[in-house]
Amino acid sequence: MEIIFEKDYLQQLYEDGKAKKKKYKFQATVIKKYIHTVDKLRVANNTEELYPIKSLNYEKLIGNKKGIESVRVDKKHRIEFISSVEGEEPNTITICSIIELSNHYK
């Protein structure tokens, strides 16, 4: 999938391993797992390939977050994203637009 970061701090976390603003400070283990999870998204051709990877716990969200999908980073954090398919068969590409790295339980 092609990855697009909706917020600057998400791209900074992925590329630099830290965000410039202290508001988006995460523990080193969370950042490492975030990078690893984004790499898994990048390798997948489409969202259907995420279902068999049990550690990701891929799901489409419901309620006030309808239309958003998520994958698990660790037991507390998840990546929320929107996926879209562009192009015509057989040359389609899935674009994964990452919205948020959130603490699932806050």
PDB file of N, CA and C in Angstrom:
ATOM      1  N   MET A   1       0.838  -1.178   0.000  1.00  0.00           N
ATOM      2  CA  MET A   1       0.000   0.000   0.000  1.00  0.00           C
ATOM      3  C   MET A   1       0.880   1.239   0.000  1.00  0.00           C
ATOM      4  N   GLU A   2       0.369   2.263  -0.576  1.00  0.00           N
ATOM      5  CA  GLU A   2       1.053   3.545  -0.518  1.00  0.00           C
ATOM      6  C   GLU A   2       0.612   4.246   0.769  1.00  0.00           C
ATOM      7  N   ILE A   3       1.564   4.780   1.527  1.00  0.00           N
ATOM      8  CA  ILE A   3       1.283   5.390   2.824  1.00  0.00           C
ATOM      9  C   ILE A   3       1.314   6.912   2.713  1.00  0.00           C
ATOM     10  N   ILE A   4       0.276   7.548   3.244  1.00  0.00           N
ATOM     11  CA  ILE A   4       0.212   9.007   3.346  1.00  0.00           C
ATOM     12  C   ILE A   4      -0.005   9.335   4.825  1.00  0.00           C
ATOM     13  N   PHE A   5       0.761  10.272   5.334  1.00  0.00           N
ATOM     14  CA  PHE A   5       0.619  10.698   6.725  1.00  0.00           C
ATOM     15  C   PHE A   5      -0.186  11.992   6.756  1.00  0.00           C
ATOM     16  N   GLU A   6      -1.326  11.980   7.443  1.00  0.00           N
ATOM     17  CA  GLU A   6      -2.192  13.154   7.519  1.00  0.00           C
ATOM     18  C   GLU A   6      -1.627  14.243   8.442  1.00  0.00           C
ATOM     19  N   LYS A   7      -0.824  13.851   9.415  1.00  0.00           N
ATOM     20  CA  LYS A   7      -0.261  14.810  10.375  1.00  0.00           C
ATOM     21  C   LYS A   7       1.258  14.711  10.356  1.00  0.00           C
ATOM     22  N   ASP A   8       1.906  15.857  10.505  1.00  0.00           N
ATOM     23  CA  ASP A   8       3.368  15.909  10.441  1.00  0.00           C
ATOM     24  C   ASP A   8       4.031  15.019  11.487  1.00  0.00           C
ATOM     25  N   TYR A   9       3.486  14.991  12.704  1.00  0.00           N
ATOM     26  CA  TYR A   9       4.137  14.218  13.764  1.00  0.00           C
ATOM     27  C   TYR A   9       4.164  12.728  13.448  1.00  0.00           C
ATOM     28  N   LEU A  10       3.164  12.233  12.713  1.00  0.00           N
ATOM     29  CA  LEU A  10       3.141  10.816  12.343  1.00  0.00           C
ATOM     30  C   LEU A  10       4.291  10.479  11.391  1.00  0.00           C
ATOM     31  N   GLN A  11       4.547  11.376  10.460  1.00  0.00           N
ATOM     32  CA  GLN A  11       5.662  11.175   9.538  1.00  0.00           C
ATOM     33  C   GLN A  11       6.995  11.319  10.257  1.00  0.00           C
ATOM     34  N   GLN A  12       7.094  12.273  11.184  1.00  0.00           N
ATOM     35  CA  GLN A  12       8.324  12.452  11.960  1.00  0.00           C
ATOM     36  C   GLN A  12       8.619  11.219  12.813  1.00  0.00           C
ATOM     37  N   LEU A  13       7.594  10.667  13.439  1.00  0.00           N
ATOM     38  CA  LEU A  13       7.785   9.456  14.238  1.00  0.00           C
ATOM     39  C   LEU A  13       8.299   8.315  13.364  1.00  0.00           C
ATOM     40  N   TYR A  14       7.745   8.201  12.162  1.00  0.00           N
ATOM     41  CA  TYR A  14       8.147   7.117  11.275  1.00  0.00           C
ATOM     42  C   TYR A  14       9.559   7.316  10.733  1.00  0.00           C
ATOM     43  N   GLU A  15       9.858   8.511  10.284  1.00  0.00           N
ATOM     44  CA  GLU A  15      11.149   8.755   9.638  1.00  0.00           C
ATOM     45  C   GLU A  15      12.284   9.021  10.617  1.00  0.00           C
ATOM     46  N   ASP A  16      12.007   9.776  11.697  1.00  0.00           N
ATOM     47  CA  ASP A  16      13.058  10.199  12.623  1.00  0.00           C
ATOM     48  C   ASP A  16      13.046   9.444  13.953  1.00  0.00           C
ATOM     49  N   GLY A  17      11.956   8.756  14.250  1.00  0.00           N
ATOM     50  CA  GLY A  17      11.862   8.052  15.520  1.00  0.00           C
ATOM     51  C   GLY A  17      11.469   8.943  16.680  1.00  0.00           C
ATOM     52  N   LYS A  18      11.113  10.194  16.377  1.00  0.00           N
ATOM     53  CA  LYS A  18      10.640  11.117  17.414  1.00  0.00           C
ATOM     54  C   LYS A  18       9.911  12.268  16.737  1.00  0.00           C
ATOM     55  N   ALA A  19       9.059  12.927  17.510  1.00  0.00           N
ATOM     56  CA  ALA A  19       8.324  14.090  17.014  1.00  0.00           C
ATOM     57  C   ALA A  19       8.938  15.353  17.604  1.00  0.00           C
ATOM     58  N   LYS A  20       8.854  16.439  16.871  1.00  0.00           N
ATOM     59  CA  LYS A  20       9.447  17.694  17.328  1.00  0.00           C
ATOM     60  C   LYS A  20       8.674  18.306  18.489  1.00  0.00           C
ATOM     61  N   LYS A  21       7.347  18.132  18.500  1.00  0.00           N
ATOM     62  CA  LYS A  21       6.532  18.685  19.582  1.00  0.00           C
ATOM     63  C   LYS A  21       6.446  17.696  20.734  1.00  0.00           C
ATOM     64  N   LYS A  22       6.610  18.208  21.949  1.00  0.00           N
ATOM     65  CA  LYS A  22       6.563  17.339  23.129  1.00  0.00           C
ATOM     66  C   LYS A  22       5.176  16.738  23.347  1.00  0.00           C
ATOM     67  N   LYS A  23       4.155  17.387  22.801  1.00  0.00           N
ATOM     68  CA  LYS A  23       2.787  16.880  22.934  1.00  0.00           C
ATOM     69  C   LYS A  23       2.677  15.461  22.381  1.00  0.00           C
ATOM     70  N   TYR A  24       3.475  15.144  21.384  1.00  0.00           N
ATOM     71  CA  TYR A  24       3.414  13.845  20.718  1.00  0.00           C
ATOM     72  C   TYR A  24       4.570  12.951  21.115  1.00  0.00           C
ATOM     73  N   LYS A  25       4.956  13.004  22.366  1.00  0.00           N
ATOM     74  CA  LYS A  25       6.058  12.187  22.859  1.00  0.00           C
ATOM     75  C   LYS A  25       5.528  10.807  23.246  1.00  0.00           C
ATOM     76  N   PHE A  26       6.166   9.798  22.712  1.00  0.00           N
ATOM     77  CA  PHE A  26       5.809   8.410  23.007  1.00  0.00           C
ATOM     78  C   PHE A  26       7.042   7.685  23.496  1.00  0.00           C
ATOM     79  N   GLN A  27       6.844   6.582  24.194  1.00  0.00           N
ATOM     80  CA  GLN A  27       7.958   5.773  24.658  1.00  0.00           C
ATOM     81  C   GLN A  27       8.660   5.148  23.450  1.00  0.00           C
ATOM     82  N   ALA A  28       9.949   4.890  23.607  1.00  0.00           N
ATOM     83  CA  ALA A  28      10.758   4.345  22.515  1.00  0.00           C
ATOM     84  C   ALA A  28      10.206   3.019  22.003  1.00  0.00           C
ATOM     85  N   THR A  29       9.690   2.180  22.888  1.00  0.00           N
ATOM     86  CA  THR A  29       9.148   0.887  22.446  1.00  0.00           C
ATOM     87  C   THR A  29       7.899   1.075  21.595  1.00  0.00           C
ATOM     88  N   VAL A  30       7.076   2.071  21.928  1.00  0.00           N
ATOM     89  CA  VAL A  30       5.867   2.346  21.143  1.00  0.00           C
ATOM     90  C   VAL A  30       6.259   2.841  19.756  1.00  0.00           C
ATOM     91  N   ILE A  31       7.247   3.720  19.689  1.00  0.00           N
ATOM     92  CA  ILE A  31       7.704   4.253  18.397  1.00  0.00           C
ATOM     93  C   ILE A  31       8.270   3.129  17.528  1.00  0.00           C
ATOM     94  N   LYS A  32       9.055   2.249  18.128  1.00  0.00           N
ATOM     95  CA  LYS A  32       9.642   1.131  17.387  1.00  0.00           C
ATOM     96  C   LYS A  32       8.536   0.226  16.824  1.00  0.00           C
ATOM     97  N   LYS A  33       7.526  -0.054  17.632  1.00  0.00           N
ATOM     98  CA  LYS A  33       6.409  -0.883  17.175  1.00  0.00           C
ATOM     99  C   LYS A  33       5.569  -0.150  16.132  1.00  0.00           C
ATOM    100  N   TYR A  34       5.434   1.164  16.265  1.00  0.00           N
ATOM    101  CA  TYR A  34       4.716   1.980  15.278  1.00  0.00           C
ATOM    102  C   TYR A  34       5.406   1.877  13.920  1.00  0.00           C
ATOM    103  N   ILE A  35       6.712   2.039  13.901  1.00  0.00           N
ATOM    104  CA  ILE A  35       7.476   1.943  12.652  1.00  0.00           C
ATOM    105  C   ILE A  35       7.322   0.552  12.038  1.00  0.00           C
ATOM    106  N   HIS A  36       7.401  -0.461  12.880  1.00  0.00           N
ATOM    107  CA  HIS A  36       7.264  -1.847  12.411  1.00  0.00           C
ATOM    108  C   HIS A  36       5.867  -2.080  11.818  1.00  0.00           C
ATOM    109  N   THR A  37       4.838  -1.529  12.461  1.00  0.00           N
ATOM    110  CA  THR A  37       3.466  -1.701  11.982  1.00  0.00           C
ATOM    111  C   THR A  37       3.244  -0.964  10.664  1.00  0.00           C
ATOM    112  N   VAL A  38       3.765   0.259  10.542  1.00  0.00           N
ATOM    113  CA  VAL A  38       3.649   1.004   9.282  1.00  0.00           C
ATOM    114  C   VAL A  38       4.367   0.247   8.168  1.00  0.00           C
ATOM    115  N   ASP A  39       5.493  -0.372   8.472  1.00  0.00           N
ATOM    116  CA  ASP A  39       6.201  -1.180   7.473  1.00  0.00           C
ATOM    117  C   ASP A  39       5.331  -2.347   6.999  1.00  0.00           C
ATOM    118  N   LYS A  40       4.581  -2.955   7.906  1.00  0.00           N
ATOM    119  CA  LYS A  40       3.673  -4.046   7.523  1.00  0.00           C
ATOM    120  C   LYS A  40       2.577  -3.523   6.602  1.00  0.00           C
ATOM    121  N   LEU A  41       2.066  -2.332   6.902  1.00  0.00           N
ATOM    122  CA  LEU A  41       1.046  -1.730   6.038  1.00  0.00           C
ATOM    123  C   LEU A  41       1.622  -1.445   4.653  1.00  0.00           C
ATOM    124  N   ARG A  42       2.836  -0.951   4.616  1.00  0.00           N
ATOM    125  CA  ARG A  42       3.485  -0.590   3.350  1.00  0.00           C
ATOM    126  C   ARG A  42       3.673  -1.823   2.461  1.00  0.00           C
ATOM    127  N   VAL A  43       3.991  -2.960   3.044  1.00  0.00           N
ATOM    128  CA  VAL A  43       4.248  -4.188   2.285  1.00  0.00           C
ATOM    129  C   VAL A  43       2.954  -4.801   1.738  1.00  0.00           C
ATOM    130  N   ALA A  44       1.852  -4.640   2.454  1.00  0.00           N
ATOM    131  CA  ALA A  44       0.583  -5.224   2.018  1.00  0.00           C
ATOM    132  C   ALA A  44       0.099  -4.541   0.742  1.00  0.00           C
ATOM    133  N   ASN A  45      -0.482  -5.310  -0.154  1.00  0.00           N
ATOM    134  CA  ASN A  45      -1.024  -4.748  -1.390  1.00  0.00           C
ATOM    135  C   ASN A  45      -2.397  -4.120  -1.188  1.00  0.00           C
ATOM    136  N   ASN A  46      -3.168  -4.676  -0.246  1.00  0.00           N
ATOM    137  CA  ASN A  46      -4.497  -4.152   0.050  1.00  0.00           C
ATOM    138  C   ASN A  46      -4.894  -4.545   1.468  1.00  0.00           C
ATOM    139  N   THR A  47      -6.035  -4.049   1.922  1.00  0.00           N
ATOM    140  CA  THR A  47      -6.444  -4.291   3.308  1.00  0.00           C
ATOM    141  C   THR A  47      -6.801  -5.756   3.561  1.00  0.00           C
ATOM    142  N   GLU A  48      -7.199  -6.492   2.533  1.00  0.00           N
ATOM    143  CA  GLU A  48      -7.527  -7.908   2.710  1.00  0.00           C
ATOM    144  C   GLU A  48      -6.320  -8.709   3.184  1.00  0.00           C
ATOM    145  N   GLU A  49      -5.126  -8.248   2.840  1.00  0.00           N
ATOM    146  CA  GLU A  49      -3.911  -8.946   3.270  1.00  0.00           C
ATOM    147  C   GLU A  49      -3.602  -8.702   4.749  1.00  0.00           C
ATOM    148  N   LEU A  50      -4.312  -7.775   5.393  1.00  0.00           N
ATOM    149  CA  LEU A  50      -4.080  -7.495   6.811  1.00  0.00           C
ATOM    150  C   LEU A  50      -4.856  -8.452   7.715  1.00  0.00           C
ATOM    151  N   TYR A  51      -5.964  -9.004   7.226  1.00  0.00           N
ATOM    152  CA  TYR A  51      -6.790  -9.899   8.041  1.00  0.00           C
ATOM    153  C   TYR A  51      -6.025 -11.086   8.620  1.00  0.00           C
ATOM    154  N   PRO A  52      -5.213 -11.804   7.828  1.00  0.00           N
ATOM    155  CA  PRO A  52      -4.527 -12.985   8.384  1.00  0.00           C
ATOM    156  C   PRO A  52      -3.442 -12.662   9.414  1.00  0.00           C
ATOM    157  N   ILE A  53      -2.980 -11.429   9.473  1.00  0.00           N
ATOM    158  CA  ILE A  53      -1.925 -11.073  10.420  1.00  0.00           C
ATOM    159  C   ILE A  53      -2.584 -10.774  11.768  1.00  0.00           C
ATOM    160  N   LYS A  54      -2.677 -11.769  12.609  1.00  0.00           N
ATOM    161  CA  LYS A  54      -3.422 -11.663  13.868  1.00  0.00           C
ATOM    162  C   LYS A  54      -2.872 -10.585  14.797  1.00  0.00           C
ATOM    163  N   SER A  55      -1.568 -10.346  14.777  1.00  0.00           N
ATOM    164  CA  SER A  55      -0.978  -9.357  15.683  1.00  0.00           C
ATOM    165  C   SER A  55      -1.462  -7.939  15.369  1.00  0.00           C
ATOM    166  N   LEU A  56      -1.903  -7.698  14.137  1.00  0.00           N
ATOM    167  CA  LEU A  56      -2.388  -6.365  13.775  1.00  0.00           C
ATOM    168  C   LEU A  56      -3.809  -6.107  14.258  1.00  0.00           C
ATOM    169  N   ASN A  57      -4.593  -7.165  14.416  1.00  0.00           N
ATOM    170  CA  ASN A  57      -5.986  -7.032  14.836  1.00  0.00           C
ATOM    171  C   ASN A  57      -6.700  -5.983  13.977  1.00  0.00           C
ATOM    172  N   TYR A  58      -6.593  -6.118  12.661  1.00  0.00           N
ATOM    173  CA  TYR A  58      -7.216  -5.177  11.721  1.00  0.00           C
ATOM    174  C   TYR A  58      -8.719  -5.175  11.903  1.00  0.00           C
ATOM    175  N   GLU A  59      -9.301  -3.972  11.945  1.00  0.00           N
ATOM    176  CA  GLU A  59     -10.752  -3.869  12.049  1.00  0.00           C
ATOM    177  C   GLU A  59     -11.243  -2.559  11.470  1.00  0.00           C
ATOM    178  N   LYS A  60     -12.489  -2.579  11.017  1.00  0.00           N
ATOM    179  CA  LYS A  60     -13.167  -1.368  10.587  1.00  0.00           C
ATOM    180  C   LYS A  60     -13.943  -0.865  11.794  1.00  0.00           C
ATOM    181  N   LEU A  61     -13.751   0.398  12.129  1.00  0.00           N
ATOM    182  CA  LEU A  61     -14.355   0.942  13.330  1.00  0.00           C
ATOM    183  C   LEU A  61     -15.832   1.282  13.099  1.00  0.00           C
ATOM    184  N   ILE A  62     -16.575   1.356  14.191  1.00  0.00           N
ATOM    185  CA  ILE A  62     -18.004   1.639  14.128  1.00  0.00           C
ATOM    186  C   ILE A  62     -18.324   2.841  15.012  1.00  0.00           C
ATOM    187  N   GLY A  63     -19.560   3.234  15.012  1.00  0.00           N
ATOM    188  CA  GLY A  63     -19.986   4.356  15.855  1.00  0.00           C
ATOM    189  C   GLY A  63     -19.531   5.683  15.281  1.00  0.00           C
ATOM    190  N   ASN A  64     -18.999   6.546  16.161  1.00  0.00           N
ATOM    191  CA  ASN A  64     -18.579   7.875  15.707  1.00  0.00           C
ATOM    192  C   ASN A  64     -17.309   7.837  14.862  1.00  0.00           C
ATOM    193  N   LYS A  65     -16.678   6.683  14.745  1.00  0.00           N
ATOM    194  CA  LYS A  65     -15.470   6.543  13.914  1.00  0.00           C
ATOM    195  C   LYS A  65     -15.740   5.667  12.695  1.00  0.00           C
ATOM    196  N   LYS A  66     -17.006   5.617  12.273  1.00  0.00           N
ATOM    197  CA  LYS A  66     -17.373   4.817  11.105  1.00  0.00           C
ATOM    198  C   LYS A  66     -16.628   5.335   9.877  1.00  0.00           C
ATOM    199  N   GLY A  67     -16.128   4.425   9.066  1.00  0.00           N
ATOM    200  CA  GLY A  67     -15.364   4.784   7.878  1.00  0.00           C
ATOM    201  C   GLY A  67     -13.864   4.773   8.121  1.00  0.00           C
ATOM    202  N   ILE A  68     -13.469   4.619   9.380  1.00  0.00           N
ATOM    203  CA  ILE A  68     -12.055   4.573   9.752  1.00  0.00           C
ATOM    204  C   ILE A  68     -11.689   3.129  10.067  1.00  0.00           C
ATOM    205  N   GLU A  69     -10.473   2.749   9.708  1.00  0.00           N
ATOM    206  CA  GLU A  69      -9.966   1.414   9.996  1.00  0.00           C
ATOM    207  C   GLU A  69      -8.811   1.531  10.981  1.00  0.00           C
ATOM    208  N   SER A  70      -8.482   0.438  11.641  1.00  0.00           N
ATOM    209  CA  SER A  70      -7.371   0.494  12.589  1.00  0.00           C
ATOM    210  C   SER A  70      -6.603  -0.817  12.612  1.00  0.00           C
ATOM    211  N   VAL A  71      -5.345  -0.690  13.010  1.00  0.00           N
ATOM    212  CA  VAL A  71      -4.496  -1.843  13.297  1.00  0.00           C
ATOM    213  C   VAL A  71      -3.820  -1.587  14.637  1.00  0.00           C
ATOM    214  N   ARG A  72      -3.546  -2.644  15.333  1.00  0.00           N
ATOM    215  CA  ARG A  72      -2.944  -2.543  16.651  1.00  0.00           C
ATOM    216  C   ARG A  72      -1.436  -2.364  16.554  1.00  0.00           C
ATOM    217  N   VAL A  73      -0.909  -1.445  17.360  1.00  0.00           N
ATOM    218  CA  VAL A  73       0.541  -1.262  17.481  1.00  0.00           C
ATOM    219  C   VAL A  73       1.029  -2.100  18.657  1.00  0.00           C
ATOM    220  N   ASP A  74       0.381  -1.947  19.796  1.00  0.00           N
ATOM    221  CA  ASP A  74       0.617  -2.770  20.978  1.00  0.00           C
ATOM    222  C   ASP A  74      -0.704  -2.877  21.718  1.00  0.00           C
ATOM    223  N   LYS A  75      -0.674  -3.316  22.964  1.00  0.00           N
ATOM    224  CA  LYS A  75      -1.930  -3.519  23.690  1.00  0.00           C
ATOM    225  C   LYS A  75      -2.671  -2.223  23.990  1.00  0.00           C
ATOM    226  N   LYS A  76      -1.972  -1.088  23.993  1.00  0.00           N
ATOM    227  CA  LYS A  76      -2.605   0.186  24.310  1.00  0.00           C
ATOM    228  C   LYS A  76      -2.804   1.106  23.113  1.00  0.00           C
ATOM    229  N   HIS A  77      -1.973   1.001  22.106  1.00  0.00           N
ATOM    230  CA  HIS A  77      -1.983   1.957  21.000  1.00  0.00           C
ATOM    231  C   HIS A  77      -2.428   1.316  19.687  1.00  0.00           C
ATOM    232  N   ARG A  78      -3.055   2.147  18.853  1.00  0.00           N
ATOM    233  CA  ARG A  78      -3.449   1.678  17.535  1.00  0.00           C
ATOM    234  C   ARG A  78      -3.253   2.792  16.514  1.00  0.00           C
ATOM    235  N   ILE A  79      -3.093   2.393  15.266  1.00  0.00           N
ATOM    236  CA  ILE A  79      -3.005   3.326  14.149  1.00  0.00           C
ATOM    237  C   ILE A  79      -4.381   3.367  13.507  1.00  0.00           C
ATOM    238  N   GLU A  80      -4.926   4.578  13.383  1.00  0.00           N
ATOM    239  CA  GLU A  80      -6.206   4.760  12.711  1.00  0.00           C
ATOM    240  C   GLU A  80      -5.920   5.308  11.315  1.00  0.00           C
ATOM    241  N   PHE A  81      -6.606   4.762  10.313  1.00  0.00           N
ATOM    242  CA  PHE A  81      -6.359   5.171   8.942  1.00  0.00           C
ATOM    243  C   PHE A  81      -7.603   5.000   8.080  1.00  0.00           C
ATOM    244  N   ILE A  82      -7.556   5.621   6.918  1.00  0.00           N
ATOM    245  CA  ILE A  82      -8.594   5.465   5.902  1.00  0.00           C
ATOM    246  C   ILE A  82      -7.906   4.909   4.659  1.00  0.00           C
ATOM    247  N   SER A  83      -8.493   3.862   4.090  1.00  0.00           N
ATOM    248  CA  SER A  83      -7.903   3.297   2.879  1.00  0.00           C
ATOM    249  C   SER A  83      -8.821   3.596   1.694  1.00  0.00           C
ATOM    250  N   SER A  84      -8.206   3.770   0.551  1.00  0.00           N
ATOM    251  CA  SER A  84      -8.960   3.989  -0.683  1.00  0.00           C
ATOM    252  C   SER A  84      -8.229   3.297  -1.817  1.00  0.00           C
ATOM    253  N   VAL A  85      -8.990   2.864  -2.806  1.00  0.00           N
ATOM    254  CA  VAL A  85      -8.427   2.172  -3.960  1.00  0.00           C
ATOM    255  C   VAL A  85      -8.528   3.106  -5.156  1.00  0.00           C
ATOM    256  N   GLU A  86      -7.421   3.261  -5.859  1.00  0.00           N
ATOM    257  CA  GLU A  86      -7.399   4.116  -7.041  1.00  0.00           C
ATOM    258  C   GLU A  86      -6.895   3.338  -8.236  1.00  0.00           C
ATOM    259  N   GLY A  87      -7.348   3.733  -9.409  1.00  0.00           N
ATOM    260  CA  GLY A  87      -6.922   3.095 -10.644  1.00  0.00           C
ATOM    261  C   GLY A  87      -7.904   2.050 -11.111  1.00  0.00           C
ATOM    262  N   GLU A  88      -7.638   1.508 -12.268  1.00  0.00           N
ATOM    263  CA  GLU A  88      -8.479   0.494 -12.885  1.00  0.00           C
ATOM    264  C   GLU A  88      -7.796  -0.866 -12.792  1.00  0.00           C
ATOM    265  N   GLU A  89      -8.617  -1.928 -12.714  1.00  0.00           N
ATOM    266  CA  GLU A  89      -8.069  -3.282 -12.699  1.00  0.00           C
ATOM    267  C   GLU A  89      -7.225  -3.492 -13.933  1.00  0.00           C
ATOM    268  N   PRO A  90      -6.147  -4.160 -13.956  1.00  0.00           N
ATOM    269  CA  PRO A  90      -5.429  -4.770 -12.841  1.00  0.00           C
ATOM    270  C   PRO A  90      -4.409  -3.831 -12.212  1.00  0.00           C
ATOM    271  N   ASN A  91      -4.414  -2.580 -12.576  1.00  0.00           N
ATOM    272  CA  ASN A  91      -3.408  -1.637 -12.080  1.00  0.00           C
ATOM    273  C   ASN A  91      -3.929  -0.787 -10.929  1.00  0.00           C
ATOM    274  N   THR A  92      -4.622  -1.392  -9.995  1.00  0.00           N
ATOM    275  CA  THR A  92      -5.140  -0.637  -8.865  1.00  0.00           C
ATOM    276  C   THR A  92      -4.066  -0.477  -7.802  1.00  0.00           C
ATOM    277  N   ILE A  93      -4.192   0.581  -7.022  1.00  0.00           N
ATOM    278  CA  ILE A  93      -3.281   0.815  -5.902  1.00  0.00           C
ATOM    279  C   ILE A  93      -4.121   1.212  -4.700  1.00  0.00           C
ATOM    280  N   THR A  94      -3.784   0.661  -3.555  1.00  0.00           N
ATOM    281  CA  THR A  94      -4.484   1.006  -2.322  1.00  0.00           C
ATOM    282  C   THR A  94      -3.670   2.055  -1.592  1.00  0.00           C
ATOM    283  N   ILE A  95      -4.336   3.149  -1.250  1.00  0.00           N
ATOM    284  CA  ILE A  95      -3.680   4.231  -0.527  1.00  0.00           C
ATOM    285  C   ILE A  95      -4.163   4.195   0.913  1.00  0.00           C
ATOM    286  N   CYS A  96      -3.221   4.170   1.821  1.00  0.00           N
ATOM    287  CA  CYS A  96      -3.504   4.134   3.253  1.00  0.00           C
ATOM    288  C   CYS A  96      -3.157   5.504   3.823  1.00  0.00           C
ATOM    289  N   SER A  97      -4.164   6.240   4.231  1.00  0.00           N
ATOM    290  CA  SER A  97      -3.981   7.581   4.769  1.00  0.00           C
ATOM    291  C   SER A  97      -4.040   7.504   6.297  1.00  0.00           C
ATOM    292  N   ILE A  98      -2.875   7.569   6.947  1.00  0.00           N
ATOM    293  CA  ILE A  98      -2.805   7.418   8.408  1.00  0.00           C
ATOM    294  C   ILE A  98      -3.262   8.704   9.072  1.00  0.00           C
ATOM    295  N   ILE A  99      -4.256   8.580   9.938  1.00  0.00           N
ATOM    296  CA  ILE A  99      -4.870   9.725  10.604  1.00  0.00           C
ATOM    297  C   ILE A  99      -4.281   9.969  11.985  1.00  0.00           C
ATOM    298  N   GLU A 100      -4.099   8.890  12.758  1.00  0.00           N
ATOM    299  CA  GLU A 100      -3.770   9.073  14.168  1.00  0.00           C
ATOM    300  C   GLU A 100      -3.063   7.847  14.733  1.00  0.00           C
ATOM    301  N   LEU A 101      -2.160   8.099  15.667  1.00  0.00           N
ATOM    302  CA  LEU A 101      -1.613   7.065  16.538  1.00  0.00           C
ATOM    303  C   LEU A 101      -2.246   7.346  17.881  1.00  0.00           C
ATOM    304  N   SER A 102      -3.182   6.512  18.263  1.00  0.00           N
ATOM    305  CA  SER A 102      -3.977   6.836  19.448  1.00  0.00           C
ATOM    306  C   SER A 102      -3.804   5.804  20.544  1.00  0.00           C
ATOM    307  N   ASN A 103      -4.026   6.286  21.771  1.00  0.00           N
ATOM    308  CA  ASN A 103      -4.092   5.398  22.917  1.00  0.00           C
ATOM    309  C   ASN A 103      -5.524   4.895  22.955  1.00  0.00           C
ATOM    310  N   HIS A 104      -5.707   3.644  22.680  1.00  0.00           N
ATOM    311  CA  HIS A 104      -7.030   3.046  22.519  1.00  0.00           C
ATOM    312  C   HIS A 104      -7.898   3.178  23.772  1.00  0.00           C
ATOM    313  N   TYR A 105      -7.303   3.281  24.922  1.00  0.00           N
ATOM    314  CA  TYR A 105      -8.079   3.256  26.155  1.00  0.00           C
ATOM    315  C   TYR A 105      -8.266   4.605  26.809  1.00  0.00           C
ATOM    316  N   LYS A 106      -7.856   5.691  26.154  1.00  0.00           N
ATOM    317  CA  LYS A 106      -8.063   7.020  26.735  1.00  0.00           C
ATOM    318  C   LYS A 106      -9.339   7.614  26.255  1.00  0.00           C
TER     319      LYS A 106
END
